[in-house]
Amino acid sequence: MNKTLVIYNMVPDTTKYYMVPSDHEDINLIKGAHGVFINVIDPTPEQQIGIDYINDASSSNEEYCKNVADVGKLIQYEVDELSLLDTPVDGVVVASFYM
């Protein structure tokens, strides 16, 4: 199965890595967030939707989420840094949230 690596930087606290199936139902939302740096640039409407999705889907807490239906959708795909060495990917999405 093809995978897309999603790198979500929450600066300065942490970086999370997700290996999401490239045929995931929300992959286009995720790809829309590529290159977004929240609190640094003003995202386009498409980018804002994508970053909101990643933020909600990578969270286990509904309190700060915009769409509760998306909460936790990416958690099952989270991987540690070392596993990145052995897993081929066919795409990379990098998004950041500067706190």
PDB file of N, CA and C in Angstrom:
ATOM      1  N   MET A   1       0.844  -1.180   0.000  1.00  0.00           N
ATOM      2  CA  MET A   1       0.000   0.000   0.000  1.00  0.00           C
ATOM      3  C   MET A   1       0.889   1.243   0.000  1.00  0.00           C
ATOM      4  N   ASN A   2       0.562   2.215  -0.844  1.00  0.00           N
ATOM      5  CA  ASN A   2       1.304   3.470  -0.903  1.00  0.00           C
ATOM      6  C   ASN A   2       0.949   4.345   0.286  1.00  0.00           C
ATOM      7  N   LYS A   3       1.950   5.074   0.752  1.00  0.00           N
ATOM      8  CA  LYS A   3       1.771   5.913   1.935  1.00  0.00           C
ATOM      9  C   LYS A   3       2.221   7.337   1.653  1.00  0.00           C
ATOM     10  N   THR A   4       1.579   8.260   2.341  1.00  0.00           N
ATOM     11  CA  THR A   4       1.986   9.660   2.329  1.00  0.00           C
ATOM     12  C   THR A   4       2.470   9.995   3.725  1.00  0.00           C
ATOM     13  N   LEU A   5       3.682  10.520   3.813  1.00  0.00           N
ATOM     14  CA  LEU A   5       4.236  10.928   5.088  1.00  0.00           C
ATOM     15  C   LEU A   5       3.745  12.332   5.403  1.00  0.00           C
ATOM     16  N   VAL A   6       3.103  12.481   6.547  1.00  0.00           N
ATOM     17  CA  VAL A   6       2.650  13.793   7.003  1.00  0.00           C
ATOM     18  C   VAL A   6       3.522  14.183   8.192  1.00  0.00           C
ATOM     19  N   ILE A   7       4.193  15.308   8.064  1.00  0.00           N
ATOM     20  CA  ILE A   7       5.035  15.841   9.133  1.00  0.00           C
ATOM     21  C   ILE A   7       4.328  17.082   9.670  1.00  0.00           C
ATOM     22  N   TYR A   8       3.959  17.030  10.938  1.00  0.00           N
ATOM     23  CA  TYR A   8       3.233  18.144  11.552  1.00  0.00           C
ATOM     24  C   TYR A   8       4.084  18.694  12.686  1.00  0.00           C
ATOM     25  N   ASN A   9       4.668  19.863  12.448  1.00  0.00           N
ATOM     26  CA  ASN A   9       5.522  20.525  13.435  1.00  0.00           C
ATOM     27  C   ASN A   9       4.670  21.442  14.300  1.00  0.00           C
ATOM     28  N   MET A  10       4.784  21.274  15.600  1.00  0.00           N
ATOM     29  CA  MET A  10       4.150  22.193  16.537  1.00  0.00           C
ATOM     30  C   MET A  10       5.280  22.876  17.287  1.00  0.00           C
ATOM     31  N   VAL A  11       5.746  23.966  16.701  1.00  0.00           N
ATOM     32  CA  VAL A  11       6.947  24.642  17.158  1.00  0.00           C
ATOM     33  C   VAL A  11       6.618  25.509  18.370  1.00  0.00           C
ATOM     34  N   PRO A  12       7.347  25.432  19.446  1.00  0.00           N
ATOM     35  CA  PRO A  12       8.613  24.742  19.661  1.00  0.00           C
ATOM     36  C   PRO A  12       8.461  23.399  20.366  1.00  0.00           C
ATOM     37  N   ASP A  13       7.249  22.905  20.528  1.00  0.00           N
ATOM     38  CA  ASP A  13       7.019  21.744  21.384  1.00  0.00           C
ATOM     39  C   ASP A  13       7.378  20.389  20.792  1.00  0.00           C
ATOM     40  N   THR A  14       6.823  20.049  19.647  1.00  0.00           N
ATOM     41  CA  THR A  14       6.966  18.679  19.173  1.00  0.00           C
ATOM     42  C   THR A  14       6.767  18.581  17.668  1.00  0.00           C
ATOM     43  N   THR A  15       7.179  17.468  17.128  1.00  0.00           N
ATOM     44  CA  THR A  15       6.904  17.131  15.737  1.00  0.00           C
ATOM     45  C   THR A  15       6.280  15.746  15.722  1.00  0.00           C
ATOM     46  N   LYS A  16       5.185  15.612  14.978  1.00  0.00           N
ATOM     47  CA  LYS A  16       4.511  14.325  14.853  1.00  0.00           C
ATOM     48  C   LYS A  16       4.619  13.850  13.413  1.00  0.00           C
ATOM     49  N   TYR A  17       4.730  12.531  13.268  1.00  0.00           N
ATOM     50  CA  TYR A  17       4.853  11.907  11.952  1.00  0.00           C
ATOM     51  C   TYR A  17       3.710  10.924  11.766  1.00  0.00           C
ATOM     52  N   TYR A  18       3.101  10.972  10.592  1.00  0.00           N
ATOM     53  CA  TYR A  18       1.992  10.067  10.281  1.00  0.00           C
ATOM     54  C   TYR A  18       2.240   9.434   8.916  1.00  0.00           C
ATOM     55  N   MET A  19       2.055   8.129   8.828  1.00  0.00           N
ATOM     56  CA  MET A  19       2.118   7.405   7.567  1.00  0.00           C
ATOM     57  C   MET A  19       0.678   7.104   7.163  1.00  0.00           C
ATOM     58  N   VAL A  20       0.146   7.944   6.322  1.00  0.00           N
ATOM     59  CA  VAL A  20      -1.264   7.874   5.952  1.00  0.00           C
ATOM     60  C   VAL A  20      -1.386   7.162   4.604  1.00  0.00           C
ATOM     61  N   PRO A  21      -2.292   6.198   4.493  1.00  0.00           N
ATOM     62  CA  PRO A  21      -2.493   5.551   3.190  1.00  0.00           C
ATOM     63  C   PRO A  21      -2.817   6.608   2.129  1.00  0.00           C
ATOM     64  N   SER A  22      -2.192   6.493   0.981  1.00  0.00           N
ATOM     65  CA  SER A  22      -2.383   7.494  -0.065  1.00  0.00           C
ATOM     66  C   SER A  22      -3.799   7.505  -0.630  1.00  0.00           C
ATOM     67  N   ASP A  23      -4.569   6.478  -0.306  1.00  0.00           N
ATOM     68  CA  ASP A  23      -5.961   6.464  -0.742  1.00  0.00           C
ATOM     69  C   ASP A  23      -6.921   6.799   0.411  1.00  0.00           C
ATOM     70  N   HIS A  24      -6.392   7.369   1.478  1.00  0.00           N
ATOM     71  CA  HIS A  24      -7.208   7.770   2.636  1.00  0.00           C
ATOM     72  C   HIS A  24      -8.309   8.722   2.166  1.00  0.00           C
ATOM     73  N   GLU A  25      -9.487   8.594   2.744  1.00  0.00           N
ATOM     74  CA  GLU A  25     -10.629   9.392   2.305  1.00  0.00           C
ATOM     75  C   GLU A  25     -10.390  10.905   2.392  1.00  0.00           C
ATOM     76  N   ASP A  26      -9.500  11.343   3.261  1.00  0.00           N
ATOM     77  CA  ASP A  26      -9.255  12.775   3.444  1.00  0.00           C
ATOM     78  C   ASP A  26      -7.884  13.219   2.945  1.00  0.00           C
ATOM     79  N   ILE A  27      -7.265  12.432   2.070  1.00  0.00           N
ATOM     80  CA  ILE A  27      -5.895  12.737   1.637  1.00  0.00           C
ATOM     81  C   ILE A  27      -5.811  14.091   0.923  1.00  0.00           C
ATOM     82  N   ASN A  28      -6.832  14.477   0.201  1.00  0.00           N
ATOM     83  CA  ASN A  28      -6.782  15.769  -0.490  1.00  0.00           C
ATOM     84  C   ASN A  28      -6.839  16.936   0.492  1.00  0.00           C
ATOM     85  N   LEU A  29      -7.560  16.778   1.600  1.00  0.00           N
ATOM     86  CA  LEU A  29      -7.548  17.803   2.643  1.00  0.00           C
ATOM     87  C   LEU A  29      -6.149  17.931   3.233  1.00  0.00           C
ATOM     88  N   ILE A  30      -5.542  16.781   3.488  1.00  0.00           N
ATOM     89  CA  ILE A  30      -4.192  16.760   4.064  1.00  0.00           C
ATOM     90  C   ILE A  30      -3.200  17.430   3.120  1.00  0.00           C
ATOM     91  N   LYS A  31      -3.252  17.067   1.851  1.00  0.00           N
ATOM     92  CA  LYS A  31      -2.335  17.659   0.871  1.00  0.00           C
ATOM     93  C   LYS A  31      -2.541  19.159   0.740  1.00  0.00           C
ATOM     94  N   GLY A  32      -3.749  19.619   0.979  1.00  0.00           N
ATOM     95  CA  GLY A  32      -4.029  21.051   0.906  1.00  0.00           C
ATOM     96  C   GLY A  32      -3.289  21.860   1.951  1.00  0.00           C
ATOM     97  N   ALA A  33      -2.825  21.209   3.001  1.00  0.00           N
ATOM     98  CA  ALA A  33      -2.111  21.900   4.076  1.00  0.00           C
ATOM     99  C   ALA A  33      -0.611  21.979   3.836  1.00  0.00           C
ATOM    100  N   HIS A  34      -0.123  21.360   2.774  1.00  0.00           N
ATOM    101  CA  HIS A  34       1.325  21.328   2.542  1.00  0.00           C
ATOM    102  C   HIS A  34       1.892  22.741   2.464  1.00  0.00           C
ATOM    103  N   GLY A  35       2.931  22.983   3.247  1.00  0.00           N
ATOM    104  CA  GLY A  35       3.630  24.256   3.240  1.00  0.00           C
ATOM    105  C   GLY A  35       3.024  25.329   4.123  1.00  0.00           C
ATOM    106  N   VAL A  36       1.974  24.993   4.851  1.00  0.00           N
ATOM    107  CA  VAL A  36       1.319  25.978   5.707  1.00  0.00           C
ATOM    108  C   VAL A  36       2.108  26.151   7.001  1.00  0.00           C
ATOM    109  N   PHE A  37       2.305  27.391   7.401  1.00  0.00           N
ATOM    110  CA  PHE A  37       2.968  27.724   8.659  1.00  0.00           C
ATOM    111  C   PHE A  37       2.049  28.672   9.416  1.00  0.00           C
ATOM    112  N   ILE A  38       1.151  28.094  10.205  1.00  0.00           N
ATOM    113  CA  ILE A  38       0.166  28.878  10.951  1.00  0.00           C
ATOM    114  C   ILE A  38       0.881  29.839  11.896  1.00  0.00           C
ATOM    115  N   ASN A  39       0.375  31.028  12.001  1.00  0.00           N
ATOM    116  CA  ASN A  39       0.913  32.140  12.788  1.00  0.00           C
ATOM    117  C   ASN A  39       2.175  32.742  12.179  1.00  0.00           C
ATOM    118  N   VAL A  40       2.486  32.350  10.935  1.00  0.00           N
ATOM    119  CA  VAL A  40       3.604  32.938  10.217  1.00  0.00           C
ATOM    120  C   VAL A  40       3.114  33.520   8.881  1.00  0.00           C
ATOM    121  N   ILE A  41       2.283  32.762   8.175  1.00  0.00           N
ATOM    122  CA  ILE A  41       1.718  33.220   6.904  1.00  0.00           C
ATOM    123  C   ILE A  41       0.192  33.166   6.992  1.00  0.00           C
ATOM    124  N   ASP A  42      -0.434  33.880   6.113  1.00  0.00           N
ATOM    125  CA  ASP A  42      -1.895  33.786   5.994  1.00  0.00           C
ATOM    126  C   ASP A  42      -2.211  32.714   4.964  1.00  0.00           C
ATOM    127  N   PRO A  43      -2.813  31.612   5.407  1.00  0.00           N
ATOM    128  CA  PRO A  43      -3.105  30.537   4.459  1.00  0.00           C
ATOM    129  C   PRO A  43      -4.259  30.899   3.523  1.00  0.00           C
ATOM    130  N   THR A  44      -4.262  30.261   2.372  1.00  0.00           N
ATOM    131  CA  THR A  44      -5.399  30.379   1.468  1.00  0.00           C
ATOM    132  C   THR A  44      -6.572  29.634   2.104  1.00  0.00           C
ATOM    133  N   PRO A  45      -7.777  29.829   1.630  1.00  0.00           N
ATOM    134  CA  PRO A  45      -8.916  29.073   2.191  1.00  0.00           C
ATOM    135  C   PRO A  45      -8.705  27.556   2.119  1.00  0.00           C
ATOM    136  N   GLU A  46      -8.149  27.055   1.001  1.00  0.00           N
ATOM    137  CA  GLU A  46      -7.889  25.616   0.875  1.00  0.00           C
ATOM    138  C   GLU A  46      -6.866  25.152   1.912  1.00  0.00           C
ATOM    139  N   GLN A  47      -5.807  25.934   2.094  1.00  0.00           N
ATOM    140  CA  GLN A  47      -4.786  25.586   3.079  1.00  0.00           C
ATOM    141  C   GLN A  47      -5.361  25.615   4.492  1.00  0.00           C
ATOM    142  N   GLN A  48      -6.220  26.585   4.781  1.00  0.00           N
ATOM    143  CA  GLN A  48      -6.822  26.684   6.109  1.00  0.00           C
ATOM    144  C   GLN A  48      -7.669  25.451   6.412  1.00  0.00           C
ATOM    145  N   ILE A  49      -8.427  24.988   5.430  1.00  0.00           N
ATOM    146  CA  ILE A  49      -9.226  23.774   5.618  1.00  0.00           C
ATOM    147  C   ILE A  49      -8.313  22.587   5.896  1.00  0.00           C
ATOM    148  N   GLY A  50      -7.215  22.487   5.149  1.00  0.00           N
ATOM    149  CA  GLY A  50      -6.280  21.381   5.331  1.00  0.00           C
ATOM    150  C   GLY A  50      -5.598  21.402   6.684  1.00  0.00           C
ATOM    151  N   ILE A  51      -5.134  22.564   7.104  1.00  0.00           N
ATOM    152  CA  ILE A  51      -4.433  22.634   8.396  1.00  0.00           C
ATOM    153  C   ILE A  51      -5.412  22.425   9.544  1.00  0.00           C
ATOM    154  N   ASP A  52      -6.640  22.918   9.402  1.00  0.00           N
ATOM    155  CA  ASP A  52      -7.647  22.654  10.432  1.00  0.00           C
ATOM    156  C   ASP A  52      -7.907  21.155  10.544  1.00  0.00           C
ATOM    157  N   TYR A  53      -7.952  20.479   9.393  1.00  0.00           N
ATOM    158  CA  TYR A  53      -8.165  19.029   9.409  1.00  0.00           C
ATOM    159  C   TYR A  53      -7.010  18.329  10.132  1.00  0.00           C
ATOM    160  N   ILE A  54      -5.772  18.648   9.768  1.00  0.00           N
ATOM    161  CA  ILE A  54      -4.621  17.999  10.403  1.00  0.00           C
ATOM    162  C   ILE A  54      -4.609  18.281  11.897  1.00  0.00           C
ATOM    163  N   ASN A  55      -4.881  19.502  12.284  1.00  0.00           N
ATOM    164  CA  ASN A  55      -4.900  19.851  13.699  1.00  0.00           C
ATOM    165  C   ASN A  55      -5.947  19.020  14.446  1.00  0.00           C
ATOM    166  N   ASP A  56      -7.143  18.935  13.901  1.00  0.00           N
ATOM    167  CA  ASP A  56      -8.215  18.174  14.551  1.00  0.00           C
ATOM    168  C   ASP A  56      -7.941  16.673  14.525  1.00  0.00           C
ATOM    169  N   ALA A  57      -7.501  16.182  13.380  1.00  0.00           N
ATOM    170  CA  ALA A  57      -7.305  14.739  13.211  1.00  0.00           C
ATOM    171  C   ALA A  57      -6.108  14.209  13.994  1.00  0.00           C
ATOM    172  N   SER A  58      -5.174  15.078  14.363  1.00  0.00           N
ATOM    173  CA  SER A  58      -4.017  14.638  15.141  1.00  0.00           C
ATOM    174  C   SER A  58      -4.228  14.833  16.641  1.00  0.00           C
ATOM    175  N   SER A  59      -5.378  15.327  17.003  1.00  0.00           N
ATOM    176  CA  SER A  59      -5.678  15.611  18.407  1.00  0.00           C
ATOM    177  C   SER A  59      -6.599  14.549  19.006  1.00  0.00           C
ATOM    178  N   SER A  60      -6.430  14.323  20.287  1.00  0.00           N
ATOM    179  CA  SER A  60      -7.355  13.437  21.000  1.00  0.00           C
ATOM    180  C   SER A  60      -8.277  14.251  21.902  1.00  0.00           C
ATOM    181  N   ASN A  61      -8.142  15.562  21.836  1.00  0.00           N
ATOM    182  CA  ASN A  61      -8.909  16.460  22.696  1.00  0.00           C
ATOM    183  C   ASN A  61      -9.839  17.312  21.837  1.00  0.00           C
ATOM    184  N   GLU A  62     -11.123  17.221  22.070  1.00  0.00           N
ATOM    185  CA  GLU A  62     -12.111  17.957  21.279  1.00  0.00           C
ATOM    186  C   GLU A  62     -12.170  19.440  21.625  1.00  0.00           C
ATOM    187  N   GLU A  63     -11.594  19.826  22.747  1.00  0.00           N
ATOM    188  CA  GLU A  63     -11.770  21.178  23.265  1.00  0.00           C
ATOM    189  C   GLU A  63     -11.364  22.280  22.289  1.00  0.00           C
ATOM    190  N   TYR A  64     -10.255  22.113  21.573  1.00  0.00           N
ATOM    191  CA  TYR A  64      -9.757  23.170  20.696  1.00  0.00           C
ATOM    192  C   TYR A  64      -9.978  22.873  19.211  1.00  0.00           C
ATOM    193  N   CYS A  65     -10.802  21.913  18.906  1.00  0.00           N
ATOM    194  CA  CYS A  65     -10.992  21.492  17.526  1.00  0.00           C
ATOM    195  C   CYS A  65     -12.139  22.244  16.858  1.00  0.00           C
ATOM    196  N   LYS A  66     -11.990  22.450  15.565  1.00  0.00           N
ATOM    197  CA  LYS A  66     -13.036  23.124  14.794  1.00  0.00           C
ATOM    198  C   LYS A  66     -14.096  22.140  14.315  1.00  0.00           C
ATOM    199  N   ASN A  67     -13.698  20.903  14.020  1.00  0.00           N
ATOM    200  CA  ASN A  67     -14.639  19.902  13.538  1.00  0.00           C
ATOM    201  C   ASN A  67     -14.473  18.632  14.381  1.00  0.00           C
ATOM    202  N   VAL A  68     -15.342  18.455  15.333  1.00  0.00           N
ATOM    203  CA  VAL A  68     -15.236  17.337  16.277  1.00  0.00           C
ATOM    204  C   VAL A  68     -15.276  15.992  15.551  1.00  0.00           C
ATOM    205  N   ALA A  69     -15.926  15.933  14.405  1.00  0.00           N
ATOM    206  CA  ALA A  69     -16.008  14.673  13.653  1.00  0.00           C
ATOM    207  C   ALA A  69     -14.640  14.192  13.174  1.00  0.00           C
ATOM    208  N   ASP A  70     -13.674  15.102  13.061  1.00  0.00           N
ATOM    209  CA  ASP A  70     -12.337  14.735  12.587  1.00  0.00           C
ATOM    210  C   ASP A  70     -11.360  14.386  13.706  1.00  0.00           C
ATOM    211  N   VAL A  71     -11.745  14.594  14.945  1.00  0.00           N
ATOM    212  CA  VAL A  71     -10.841  14.384  16.074  1.00  0.00           C
ATOM    213  C   VAL A  71     -10.303  12.954  16.077  1.00  0.00           C
ATOM    214  N   GLY A  72      -8.980  12.851  16.114  1.00  0.00           N
ATOM    215  CA  GLY A  72      -8.316  11.562  16.262  1.00  0.00           C
ATOM    216  C   GLY A  72      -8.179  10.726  15.011  1.00  0.00           C
ATOM    217  N   LYS A  73      -8.620  11.193  13.855  1.00  0.00           N
ATOM    218  CA  LYS A  73      -8.580  10.374  12.635  1.00  0.00           C
ATOM    219  C   LYS A  73      -7.169   9.988  12.204  1.00  0.00           C
ATOM    220  N   LEU A  74      -6.169  10.774  12.558  1.00  0.00           N
ATOM    221  CA  LEU A  74      -4.794  10.457  12.146  1.00  0.00           C
ATOM    222  C   LEU A  74      -3.998   9.703  13.196  1.00  0.00           C
ATOM    223  N   ILE A  75      -4.485   9.661  14.412  1.00  0.00           N
ATOM    224  CA  ILE A  75      -3.705   9.076  15.508  1.00  0.00           C
ATOM    225  C   ILE A  75      -3.266   7.645  15.211  1.00  0.00           C
ATOM    226  N   GLN A  76      -4.104   6.862  14.577  1.00  0.00           N
ATOM    227  CA  GLN A  76      -3.752   5.466  14.277  1.00  0.00           C
ATOM    228  C   GLN A  76      -2.580   5.344  13.300  1.00  0.00           C
ATOM    229  N   TYR A  77      -2.267   6.421  12.591  1.00  0.00           N
ATOM    230  CA  TYR A  77      -1.185   6.389  11.607  1.00  0.00           C
ATOM    231  C   TYR A  77       0.120   6.997  12.133  1.00  0.00           C
ATOM    232  N   GLU A  78       0.121   7.425  13.396  1.00  0.00           N
ATOM    233  CA  GLU A  78       1.319   8.056  13.948  1.00  0.00           C
ATOM    234  C   GLU A  78       2.447   7.034  14.052  1.00  0.00           C
ATOM    235  N   VAL A  79       3.639   7.463  13.677  1.00  0.00           N
ATOM    236  CA  VAL A  79       4.834   6.618  13.742  1.00  0.00           C
ATOM    237  C   VAL A  79       5.951   7.400  14.419  1.00  0.00           C
ATOM    238  N   ASP A  80       6.943   6.667  14.896  1.00  0.00           N
ATOM    239  CA  ASP A  80       8.092   7.354  15.483  1.00  0.00           C
ATOM    240  C   ASP A  80       9.142   7.623  14.408  1.00  0.00           C
ATOM    241  N   GLU A  81      10.078   8.467  14.754  1.00  0.00           N
ATOM    242  CA  GLU A  81      11.097   8.893  13.801  1.00  0.00           C
ATOM    243  C   GLU A  81      11.895   7.731  13.215  1.00  0.00           C
ATOM    244  N   LEU A  82      12.238   6.761  14.026  1.00  0.00           N
ATOM    245  CA  LEU A  82      13.065   5.648  13.550  1.00  0.00           C
ATOM    246  C   LEU A  82      12.371   4.813  12.488  1.00  0.00           C
ATOM    247  N   SER A  83      11.076   4.669  12.571  1.00  0.00           N
ATOM    248  CA  SER A  83      10.370   3.855  11.582  1.00  0.00           C
ATOM    249  C   SER A  83      10.336   4.529  10.211  1.00  0.00           C
ATOM    250  N   LEU A  84      10.655   5.816  10.167  1.00  0.00           N
ATOM    251  CA  LEU A  84      10.677   6.517   8.884  1.00  0.00           C
ATOM    252  C   LEU A  84      11.793   6.000   7.983  1.00  0.00           C
ATOM    253  N   LEU A  85      12.830   5.457   8.585  1.00  0.00           N
ATOM    254  CA  LEU A  85      13.981   4.985   7.814  1.00  0.00           C
ATOM    255  C   LEU A  85      13.652   3.788   6.936  1.00  0.00           C
ATOM    256  N   ASP A  86      12.692   2.977   7.348  1.00  0.00           N
ATOM    257  CA  ASP A  86      12.413   1.722   6.661  1.00  0.00           C
ATOM    258  C   ASP A  86      11.113   1.728   5.862  1.00  0.00           C
ATOM    259  N   THR A  87      10.447   2.851   5.769  1.00  0.00           N
ATOM    260  CA  THR A  87       9.144   2.872   5.125  1.00  0.00           C
ATOM    261  C   THR A  87       9.181   3.762   3.888  1.00  0.00           C
ATOM    262  N   PRO A  88       9.009   3.167   2.709  1.00  0.00           N
ATOM    263  CA  PRO A  88       8.970   4.000   1.502  1.00  0.00           C
ATOM    264  C   PRO A  88       7.659   4.800   1.451  1.00  0.00           C
ATOM    265  N   VAL A  89       7.740   5.983   0.898  1.00  0.00           N
ATOM    266  CA  VAL A  89       6.550   6.829   0.764  1.00  0.00           C
ATOM    267  C   VAL A  89       6.465   7.337  -0.674  1.00  0.00           C
ATOM    268  N   ASP A  90       5.247   7.683  -1.074  1.00  0.00           N
ATOM    269  CA  ASP A  90       5.109   8.245  -2.413  1.00  0.00           C
ATOM    270  C   ASP A  90       4.711   9.724  -2.375  1.00  0.00           C
ATOM    271  N   GLY A  91       4.715  10.289  -1.198  1.00  0.00           N
ATOM    272  CA  GLY A  91       4.428  11.710  -1.053  1.00  0.00           C
ATOM    273  C   GLY A  91       4.752  12.194   0.338  1.00  0.00           C
ATOM    274  N   VAL A  92       4.999  13.496   0.463  1.00  0.00           N
ATOM    275  CA  VAL A  92       5.296  14.092   1.769  1.00  0.00           C
ATOM    276  C   VAL A  92       4.489  15.390   1.887  1.00  0.00           C
ATOM    277  N   VAL A  93       3.874  15.572   3.054  1.00  0.00           N
ATOM    278  CA  VAL A  93       3.169  16.807   3.372  1.00  0.00           C
ATOM    279  C   VAL A  93       3.795  17.350   4.648  1.00  0.00           C
ATOM    280  N   VAL A  94       4.213  18.620   4.605  1.00  0.00           N
ATOM    281  CA  VAL A  94       4.787  19.263   5.781  1.00  0.00           C
ATOM    282  C   VAL A  94       3.926  20.467   6.131  1.00  0.00           C
ATOM    283  N   ALA A  95       3.472  20.497   7.375  1.00  0.00           N
ATOM    284  CA  ALA A  95       2.676  21.616   7.855  1.00  0.00           C
ATOM    285  C   ALA A  95       3.163  21.966   9.266  1.00  0.00           C
ATOM    286  N   SER A  96       3.054  23.240   9.616  1.00  0.00           N
ATOM    287  CA  SER A  96       3.581  23.680  10.903  1.00  0.00           C
ATOM    288  C   SER A  96       2.633  24.638  11.605  1.00  0.00           C
ATOM    289  N   PHE A  97       2.696  24.578  12.912  1.00  0.00           N
ATOM    290  CA  PHE A  97       1.918  25.478  13.746  1.00  0.00           C
ATOM    291  C   PHE A  97       2.884  26.113  14.725  1.00  0.00           C
ATOM    292  N   TYR A  98       3.154  27.399  14.541  1.00  0.00           N
ATOM    293  CA  TYR A  98       4.051  28.113  15.444  1.00  0.00           C
ATOM    294  C   TYR A  98       3.244  28.673  16.598  1.00  0.00           C
ATOM    295  N   MET A  99       3.553  28.186  17.818  1.00  0.00           N
ATOM    296  CA  MET A  99       2.781  28.599  18.988  1.00  0.00           C
ATOM    297  C   MET A  99       3.336  29.863  19.595  1.00  0.00           C
TER     298      MET A  99
END
